[in-house]
Amino acid sequence: MNNMKGFTLIEVLLVVAIISILGSIAFSSYQSSIQKSNRADGKELLLRCASMQERNFLRFNVYSDDEGVVCGAGANTVVTSIDGHYVLNVENTNCPTAADNGQCFEMTATAQGSQRNDTTCLVLSLNQAGVKKSYSAYPGTETTGCW
């Protein structure tokens, strides 16, 4: 009697297929976790600059719309988050009435680089009242769960 030991080609291919499927699931889950943790970079940028905006308002009784001035980087400077995943934009002209311009602000942190793949929370937003919003990659679509 001839006893054969080993695996058939079908068994090996089945194991490779299972490992591939599990690997792809694990990788996508890992990417999602990385994107979620990178959102903290954008949140920190908004909260830090909002604090500086309030300081500016106390001194001059007006909110600035220059990102560099707001975040202490100097006038006309592009402000990015510490890890570089977000870029800041500040508007102080979207007040309820034109007479209130300068008395309100809305800051947005827009994802850049690899963080742009986080299409659910592409833009994080904060205003002078502390209202936090987030928007997806689809223009005007507000999302939840990003803050």
N, C-alpha and C. Protein backbone atom coordinates (compact mmCIF):
# COMPACT_ATOMS: atom_id res chain seq x y z
N MET A 1 0.83 -1.17 0.00
CA MET A 1 0.00 0.00 0.00
C MET A 1 0.88 1.24 0.00
N ASN A 2 0.51 2.21 -0.79
CA ASN A 2 1.30 3.41 -0.96
C ASN A 2 0.64 4.56 -0.21
N ASN A 3 1.21 5.01 0.93
CA ASN A 3 0.69 6.14 1.71
C ASN A 3 1.31 7.43 1.20
N MET A 4 0.48 8.32 0.70
CA MET A 4 0.98 9.60 0.21
C MET A 4 0.75 10.66 1.28
N LYS A 5 1.75 11.49 1.47
CA LYS A 5 1.63 12.58 2.42
C LYS A 5 1.80 13.89 1.66
N GLY A 6 1.07 14.94 2.12
CA GLY A 6 1.19 16.24 1.48
C GLY A 6 -0.18 16.82 1.20
N PHE A 7 -0.18 17.92 0.46
CA PHE A 7 -1.41 18.63 0.15
C PHE A 7 -1.64 18.59 -1.35
N THR A 8 -2.89 18.61 -1.70
CA THR A 8 -3.21 18.69 -3.12
C THR A 8 -3.18 20.16 -3.55
N LEU A 9 -3.12 20.37 -4.82
CA LEU A 9 -3.10 21.74 -5.35
C LEU A 9 -4.38 22.48 -4.97
N ILE A 10 -5.50 21.81 -4.98
CA ILE A 10 -6.78 22.42 -4.62
C ILE A 10 -6.74 22.91 -3.18
N GLU A 11 -6.20 22.11 -2.27
CA GLU A 11 -6.12 22.51 -0.87
C GLU A 11 -5.23 23.74 -0.70
N VAL A 12 -4.13 23.78 -1.38
CA VAL A 12 -3.21 24.93 -1.29
C VAL A 12 -3.89 26.19 -1.84
N LEU A 13 -4.55 26.07 -2.98
CA LEU A 13 -5.24 27.22 -3.56
C LEU A 13 -6.37 27.72 -2.66
N LEU A 14 -7.06 26.81 -2.01
CA LEU A 14 -8.13 27.18 -1.10
C LEU A 14 -7.56 27.97 0.09
N VAL A 15 -6.46 27.53 0.64
CA VAL A 15 -5.83 28.24 1.75
C VAL A 15 -5.35 29.62 1.31
N VAL A 16 -4.75 29.72 0.14
CA VAL A 16 -4.29 31.01 -0.38
C VAL A 16 -5.48 31.96 -0.58
N ALA A 17 -6.58 31.45 -1.10
CA ALA A 17 -7.77 32.28 -1.31
C ALA A 17 -8.32 32.79 0.02
N ILE A 18 -8.39 31.94 1.02
CA ILE A 18 -8.90 32.34 2.34
C ILE A 18 -7.99 33.40 2.96
N ILE A 19 -6.69 33.20 2.87
CA ILE A 19 -5.74 34.18 3.43
C ILE A 19 -5.86 35.51 2.69
N SER A 20 -6.05 35.48 1.39
CA SER A 20 -6.20 36.71 0.61
C SER A 20 -7.45 37.48 1.02
N ILE A 21 -8.54 36.78 1.19
CA ILE A 21 -9.80 37.43 1.60
C ILE A 21 -9.65 38.05 2.98
N LEU A 22 -9.10 37.30 3.92
CA LEU A 22 -8.91 37.83 5.27
C LEU A 22 -7.95 39.02 5.26
N GLY A 23 -6.92 38.95 4.45
CA GLY A 23 -5.96 40.06 4.35
C GLY A 23 -6.59 41.32 3.81
N SER A 24 -7.43 41.18 2.80
CA SER A 24 -8.07 42.37 2.22
C SER A 24 -9.04 43.01 3.21
N ILE A 25 -9.76 42.20 3.97
CA ILE A 25 -10.66 42.73 5.00
C ILE A 25 -9.86 43.46 6.07
N ALA A 26 -8.78 42.85 6.52
CA ALA A 26 -7.95 43.46 7.57
C ALA A 26 -7.33 44.76 7.08
N PHE A 27 -6.87 44.81 5.84
CA PHE A 27 -6.23 46.01 5.31
C PHE A 27 -7.21 47.17 5.21
N SER A 28 -8.43 46.91 4.71
CA SER A 28 -9.41 47.99 4.60
C SER A 28 -9.83 48.49 5.98
N SER A 29 -9.93 47.60 6.94
CA SER A 29 -10.25 48.00 8.30
C SER A 29 -9.13 48.85 8.89
N TYR A 30 -7.90 48.47 8.59
CA TYR A 30 -6.73 49.22 9.05
C TYR A 30 -6.73 50.63 8.45
N GLN A 31 -7.00 50.74 7.15
CA GLN A 31 -7.05 52.05 6.49
C GLN A 31 -8.12 52.94 7.11
N SER A 32 -9.27 52.36 7.39
CA SER A 32 -10.36 53.11 8.01
C SER A 32 -9.96 53.62 9.38
N SER A 33 -9.27 52.81 10.14
CA SER A 33 -8.81 53.23 11.48
C SER A 33 -7.79 54.36 11.38
N ILE A 34 -6.91 54.29 10.42
CA ILE A 34 -5.91 55.34 10.22
C ILE A 34 -6.60 56.66 9.86
N GLN A 35 -7.56 56.61 8.95
CA GLN A 35 -8.28 57.83 8.56
C GLN A 35 -9.02 58.43 9.75
N LYS A 36 -9.64 57.58 10.54
CA LYS A 36 -10.38 58.07 11.70
C LYS A 36 -9.44 58.73 12.71
N SER A 37 -8.29 58.14 12.93
CA SER A 37 -7.34 58.73 13.88
C SER A 37 -6.73 60.02 13.34
N ASN A 38 -6.59 60.13 12.02
CA ASN A 38 -6.05 61.36 11.43
C ASN A 38 -7.03 62.53 11.55
N ARG A 39 -8.31 62.25 11.75
CA ARG A 39 -9.28 63.32 11.93
C ARG A 39 -8.94 64.16 13.16
N ALA A 40 -8.30 63.57 14.14
CA ALA A 40 -7.90 64.31 15.34
C ALA A 40 -6.97 65.46 14.97
N ASP A 41 -6.19 65.30 13.92
CA ASP A 41 -5.29 66.34 13.45
C ASP A 41 -6.10 67.56 12.98
N GLY A 42 -7.16 67.32 12.24
CA GLY A 42 -8.02 68.41 11.78
C GLY A 42 -8.80 69.05 12.91
N LYS A 43 -9.27 68.24 13.84
CA LYS A 43 -10.01 68.77 14.99
C LYS A 43 -9.11 69.66 15.83
N GLU A 44 -7.87 69.21 16.04
CA GLU A 44 -6.92 70.01 16.82
C GLU A 44 -6.66 71.34 16.14
N LEU A 45 -6.51 71.33 14.83
CA LEU A 45 -6.28 72.56 14.07
C LEU A 45 -7.44 73.54 14.28
N LEU A 46 -8.66 73.05 14.14
CA LEU A 46 -9.83 73.92 14.28
C LEU A 46 -9.95 74.47 15.70
N LEU A 47 -9.79 73.62 16.70
CA LEU A 47 -9.94 74.07 18.08
C LEU A 47 -8.83 75.04 18.49
N ARG A 48 -7.62 74.78 18.05
CA ARG A 48 -6.50 75.68 18.36
C ARG A 48 -6.73 77.04 17.72
N CYS A 49 -7.12 77.06 16.47
CA CYS A 49 -7.32 78.33 15.77
C CYS A 49 -8.58 79.05 16.26
N ALA A 50 -9.60 78.32 16.68
CA ALA A 50 -10.79 78.95 17.25
C ALA A 50 -10.43 79.67 18.54
N SER A 51 -9.56 79.06 19.32
CA SER A 51 -9.09 79.71 20.55
C SER A 51 -8.36 81.01 20.23
N MET A 52 -7.54 80.98 19.20
CA MET A 52 -6.82 82.20 18.79
C MET A 52 -7.77 83.23 18.20
N GLN A 53 -8.83 82.76 17.54
CA GLN A 53 -9.84 83.68 17.01
C GLN A 53 -10.52 84.43 18.16
N GLU A 54 -10.86 83.70 19.21
CA GLU A 54 -11.51 84.34 20.36
C GLU A 54 -10.57 85.36 21.02
N ARG A 55 -9.31 85.03 21.08
CA ARG A 55 -8.32 85.97 21.62
C ARG A 55 -8.27 87.23 20.75
N ASN A 56 -8.30 87.05 19.43
CA ASN A 56 -8.31 88.18 18.50
C ASN A 56 -9.57 89.02 18.68
N PHE A 57 -10.70 88.36 18.89
CA PHE A 57 -11.97 89.07 19.08
C PHE A 57 -11.93 89.90 20.36
N LEU A 58 -11.35 89.36 21.42
CA LEU A 58 -11.24 90.11 22.67
C LEU A 58 -10.38 91.36 22.50
N ARG A 59 -9.33 91.27 21.71
CA ARG A 59 -8.42 92.40 21.54
C ARG A 59 -8.96 93.45 20.58
N PHE A 60 -9.57 93.02 19.46
CA PHE A 60 -9.93 93.96 18.40
C PHE A 60 -11.44 94.04 18.13
N ASN A 61 -12.24 93.26 18.84
CA ASN A 61 -13.69 93.23 18.68
C ASN A 61 -14.12 92.84 17.26
N VAL A 62 -13.31 92.03 16.61
CA VAL A 62 -13.64 91.52 15.28
C VAL A 62 -12.89 90.21 15.08
N TYR A 63 -13.51 89.29 14.35
CA TYR A 63 -12.84 88.04 13.99
C TYR A 63 -12.07 88.26 12.70
N SER A 64 -10.92 87.65 12.60
CA SER A 64 -10.10 87.78 11.39
C SER A 64 -10.52 86.73 10.37
N ASP A 65 -10.31 87.05 9.09
CA ASP A 65 -10.58 86.06 8.05
C ASP A 65 -9.28 85.62 7.37
N ASP A 66 -8.15 85.98 7.93
CA ASP A 66 -6.84 85.57 7.40
C ASP A 66 -6.34 84.39 8.22
N GLU A 67 -6.23 83.24 7.57
CA GLU A 67 -5.85 82.01 8.27
C GLU A 67 -4.51 82.16 9.00
N GLY A 68 -3.57 82.83 8.36
CA GLY A 68 -2.26 83.00 8.97
C GLY A 68 -2.31 83.85 10.23
N VAL A 69 -3.09 84.92 10.19
CA VAL A 69 -3.24 85.78 11.36
C VAL A 69 -3.97 85.03 12.46
N VAL A 70 -5.02 84.31 12.09
CA VAL A 70 -5.81 83.58 13.07
C VAL A 70 -4.96 82.59 13.85
N CYS A 71 -4.12 81.86 13.17
CA CYS A 71 -3.35 80.79 13.81
C CYS A 71 -1.92 81.17 14.13
N GLY A 72 -1.60 82.44 14.06
CA GLY A 72 -0.29 82.90 14.46
C GLY A 72 0.83 82.55 13.50
N ALA A 73 0.51 82.27 12.26
CA ALA A 73 1.54 81.89 11.29
C ALA A 73 2.00 83.07 10.45
N GLY A 74 1.34 84.20 10.58
CA GLY A 74 1.69 85.37 9.78
C GLY A 74 0.66 85.58 8.68
N ALA A 75 0.54 86.83 8.25
CA ALA A 75 -0.47 87.18 7.25
C ALA A 75 -0.24 86.43 5.93
N ASN A 76 -1.34 86.10 5.29
CA ASN A 76 -1.33 85.45 3.97
C ASN A 76 -0.53 84.15 3.94
N THR A 77 -0.57 83.40 5.01
CA THR A 77 0.14 82.12 5.10
C THR A 77 -0.87 80.99 5.03
N VAL A 78 -0.57 79.96 4.25
CA VAL A 78 -1.41 78.77 4.22
C VAL A 78 -1.16 77.99 5.50
N VAL A 79 -2.22 77.71 6.23
CA VAL A 79 -2.08 77.03 7.51
C VAL A 79 -2.50 75.58 7.35
N THR A 80 -1.60 74.68 7.70
CA THR A 80 -1.91 73.26 7.69
C THR A 80 -1.84 72.72 9.10
N SER A 81 -2.46 71.58 9.30
CA SER A 81 -2.45 70.94 10.62
C SER A 81 -1.04 70.44 10.94
N ILE A 82 -0.83 70.08 12.19
CA ILE A 82 0.50 69.68 12.65
C ILE A 82 1.07 68.54 11.81
N ASP A 83 0.27 67.52 11.55
CA ASP A 83 0.74 66.38 10.77
C ASP A 83 0.54 66.55 9.27
N GLY A 84 -0.05 67.69 8.86
CA GLY A 84 -0.20 67.99 7.44
C GLY A 84 -1.36 67.30 6.75
N HIS A 85 -2.32 66.78 7.52
CA HIS A 85 -3.45 66.08 6.90
C HIS A 85 -4.59 67.02 6.51
N TYR A 86 -4.59 68.24 7.04
CA TYR A 86 -5.68 69.19 6.79
C TYR A 86 -5.12 70.57 6.50
N VAL A 87 -5.86 71.35 5.71
CA VAL A 87 -5.53 72.74 5.45
C VAL A 87 -6.72 73.59 5.91
N LEU A 88 -6.42 74.75 6.50
CA LEU A 88 -7.44 75.60 7.13
C LEU A 88 -7.96 76.66 6.17
N ASN A 89 -9.25 76.96 6.28
CA ASN A 89 -9.86 78.09 5.59
C ASN A 89 -10.76 78.80 6.60
N VAL A 90 -10.71 80.14 6.62
CA VAL A 90 -11.51 80.92 7.56
C VAL A 90 -12.36 81.92 6.79
N GLU A 91 -13.63 81.99 7.13
CA GLU A 91 -14.55 82.98 6.56
C GLU A 91 -15.19 83.74 7.71
N ASN A 92 -15.26 85.07 7.61
CA ASN A 92 -15.99 85.84 8.62
C ASN A 92 -17.07 86.70 7.98
N THR A 93 -17.46 86.36 6.76
CA THR A 93 -18.46 87.15 6.05
C THR A 93 -19.77 86.39 5.85
N ASN A 94 -19.91 85.23 6.45
CA ASN A 94 -21.15 84.45 6.29
C ASN A 94 -22.08 84.65 7.48
N CYS A 95 -22.10 85.85 8.02
CA CYS A 95 -22.95 86.15 9.17
C CYS A 95 -24.40 86.27 8.73
N PRO A 96 -25.33 86.17 9.70
CA PRO A 96 -26.76 86.26 9.34
C PRO A 96 -27.11 87.54 8.58
N THR A 97 -26.51 88.66 8.96
CA THR A 97 -26.74 89.90 8.22
C THR A 97 -25.39 90.51 7.86
N ALA A 98 -25.38 91.29 6.81
CA ALA A 98 -24.12 91.90 6.35
C ALA A 98 -23.54 92.82 7.42
N ALA A 99 -24.40 93.43 8.24
CA ALA A 99 -23.92 94.32 9.30
C ALA A 99 -23.12 93.57 10.35
N ASP A 100 -23.33 92.26 10.45
CA ASP A 100 -22.63 91.44 11.44
C ASP A 100 -21.29 90.92 10.94
N ASN A 101 -20.94 91.18 9.69
CA ASN A 101 -19.68 90.65 9.15
C ASN A 101 -18.52 91.07 10.05
N GLY A 102 -17.68 90.11 10.35
CA GLY A 102 -16.58 90.33 11.28
C GLY A 102 -16.94 89.94 12.70
N GLN A 103 -18.24 89.70 12.94
CA GLN A 103 -18.71 89.33 14.26
C GLN A 103 -18.99 87.83 14.36
N CYS A 104 -18.68 87.12 13.31
CA CYS A 104 -18.85 85.67 13.30
C CYS A 104 -17.73 85.08 12.44
N PHE A 105 -17.56 83.79 12.54
CA PHE A 105 -16.59 83.12 11.68
C PHE A 105 -17.00 81.67 11.49
N GLU A 106 -16.55 81.11 10.41
CA GLU A 106 -16.65 79.67 10.19
C GLU A 106 -15.31 79.21 9.64
N MET A 107 -14.72 78.25 10.35
CA MET A 107 -13.45 77.68 9.92
C MET A 107 -13.69 76.29 9.38
N THR A 108 -13.01 75.95 8.32
CA THR A 108 -13.09 74.60 7.79
C THR A 108 -11.69 74.02 7.66
N ALA A 109 -11.58 72.77 7.99
CA ALA A 109 -10.34 72.02 7.80
C ALA A 109 -10.63 71.00 6.71
N THR A 110 -9.98 71.15 5.58
CA THR A 110 -10.20 70.27 4.43
C THR A 110 -9.06 69.27 4.32
N ALA A 111 -9.43 68.01 4.19
CA ALA A 111 -8.42 66.94 4.12
C ALA A 111 -7.56 67.11 2.88
N GLN A 112 -6.30 66.74 3.03
CA GLN A 112 -5.37 66.76 1.89
C GLN A 112 -4.47 65.54 1.97
N GLY A 113 -3.80 65.26 0.88
CA GLY A 113 -2.91 64.10 0.84
C GLY A 113 -3.70 62.80 0.95
N SER A 114 -3.15 61.85 1.67
CA SER A 114 -3.80 60.54 1.81
C SER A 114 -5.12 60.62 2.57
N GLN A 115 -5.30 61.67 3.36
CA GLN A 115 -6.54 61.82 4.13
C GLN A 115 -7.72 62.14 3.22
N ARG A 116 -7.47 62.56 2.00
CA ARG A 116 -8.57 62.83 1.05
C ARG A 116 -9.37 61.56 0.73
N ASN A 117 -8.80 60.40 1.03
CA ASN A 117 -9.54 59.15 0.83
C ASN A 117 -10.63 58.96 1.87
N ASP A 118 -10.62 59.77 2.92
CA ASP A 118 -11.67 59.73 3.94
C ASP A 118 -12.86 60.53 3.42
N THR A 119 -13.58 59.97 2.47
CA THR A 119 -14.64 60.70 1.79
C THR A 119 -15.85 60.97 2.68
N THR A 120 -15.99 60.23 3.77
CA THR A 120 -17.11 60.45 4.68
C THR A 120 -16.95 61.76 5.43
N CYS A 121 -15.74 62.08 5.83
CA CYS A 121 -15.46 63.28 6.63
C CYS A 121 -14.36 64.10 5.97
N LEU A 122 -14.59 64.51 4.75
CA LEU A 122 -13.58 65.23 3.98
C LEU A 122 -13.34 66.63 4.54
N VAL A 123 -14.39 67.27 5.03
CA VAL A 123 -14.29 68.63 5.56
C VAL A 123 -14.86 68.68 6.97
N LEU A 124 -14.09 69.22 7.90
CA LEU A 124 -14.55 69.46 9.27
C LEU A 124 -14.75 70.96 9.42
N SER A 125 -15.79 71.35 10.16
CA SER A 125 -16.14 72.76 10.27
C SER A 125 -16.45 73.13 11.71
N LEU A 126 -16.12 74.38 12.08
CA LEU A 126 -16.39 74.91 13.42
C LEU A 126 -16.68 76.39 13.28
N ASN A 127 -17.71 76.89 14.01
CA ASN A 127 -18.00 78.32 13.94
C ASN A 127 -17.86 78.97 15.32
N GLN A 128 -18.13 80.29 15.38
CA GLN A 128 -17.93 81.04 16.61
C GLN A 128 -18.85 80.59 17.74
N ALA A 129 -19.96 79.97 17.42
CA ALA A 129 -20.89 79.48 18.44
C ALA A 129 -20.52 78.08 18.92
N GLY A 130 -19.46 77.51 18.38
CA GLY A 130 -19.03 76.17 18.77
C GLY A 130 -19.75 75.06 18.03
N VAL A 131 -20.50 75.41 16.99
CA VAL A 131 -21.23 74.40 16.21
C VAL A 131 -20.23 73.65 15.33
N LYS A 132 -20.21 72.34 15.49
CA LYS A 132 -19.29 71.49 14.75
C LYS A 132 -20.06 70.75 13.66
N LYS A 133 -19.55 70.79 12.45
CA LYS A 133 -20.17 70.10 11.33
C LYS A 133 -19.10 69.36 10.55
N SER A 134 -19.55 68.46 9.72
CA SER A 134 -18.63 67.76 8.82
C SER A 134 -19.36 67.49 7.51
N TYR A 135 -18.58 67.42 6.45
CA TYR A 135 -19.14 67.24 5.12
C TYR A 135 -18.39 66.13 4.39
N SER A 136 -19.12 65.43 3.56
CA SER A 136 -18.51 64.34 2.78
C SER A 136 -17.92 64.90 1.49
N ALA A 137 -17.43 64.00 0.67
CA ALA A 137 -16.84 64.40 -0.61
C ALA A 137 -17.89 64.93 -1.58
N TYR A 138 -19.15 64.66 -1.30
CA TYR A 138 -20.22 65.14 -2.17
C TYR A 138 -20.59 66.54 -1.71
N PRO A 139 -20.45 67.55 -2.55
CA PRO A 139 -20.65 68.95 -2.14
C PRO A 139 -21.99 69.17 -1.43
N GLY A 140 -21.91 69.83 -0.28
CA GLY A 140 -23.11 70.18 0.47
C GLY A 140 -23.72 69.07 1.28
N THR A 141 -23.13 67.89 1.29
CA THR A 141 -23.70 66.77 2.02
C THR A 141 -23.10 66.72 3.42
N GLU A 142 -23.92 67.09 4.40
CA GLU A 142 -23.46 67.08 5.79
C GLU A 142 -23.49 65.65 6.32
N THR A 143 -22.46 65.28 7.06
CA THR A 143 -22.37 63.93 7.61
C THR A 143 -22.33 63.99 9.13
N THR A 144 -22.54 62.85 9.75
CA THR A 144 -22.48 62.77 11.21
C THR A 144 -21.41 61.76 11.61
N GLY A 145 -21.01 61.83 12.86
CA GLY A 145 -20.06 60.86 13.39
C GLY A 145 -18.60 61.20 13.17
N CYS A 146 -18.32 62.37 12.63
CA CYS A 146 -16.92 62.74 12.38
C CYS A 146 -16.30 63.45 13.58
N TRP A 147 -17.10 64.12 14.37
CA TRP A 147 -16.60 64.82 15.54
C TRP A 147 -16.69 63.90 16.73
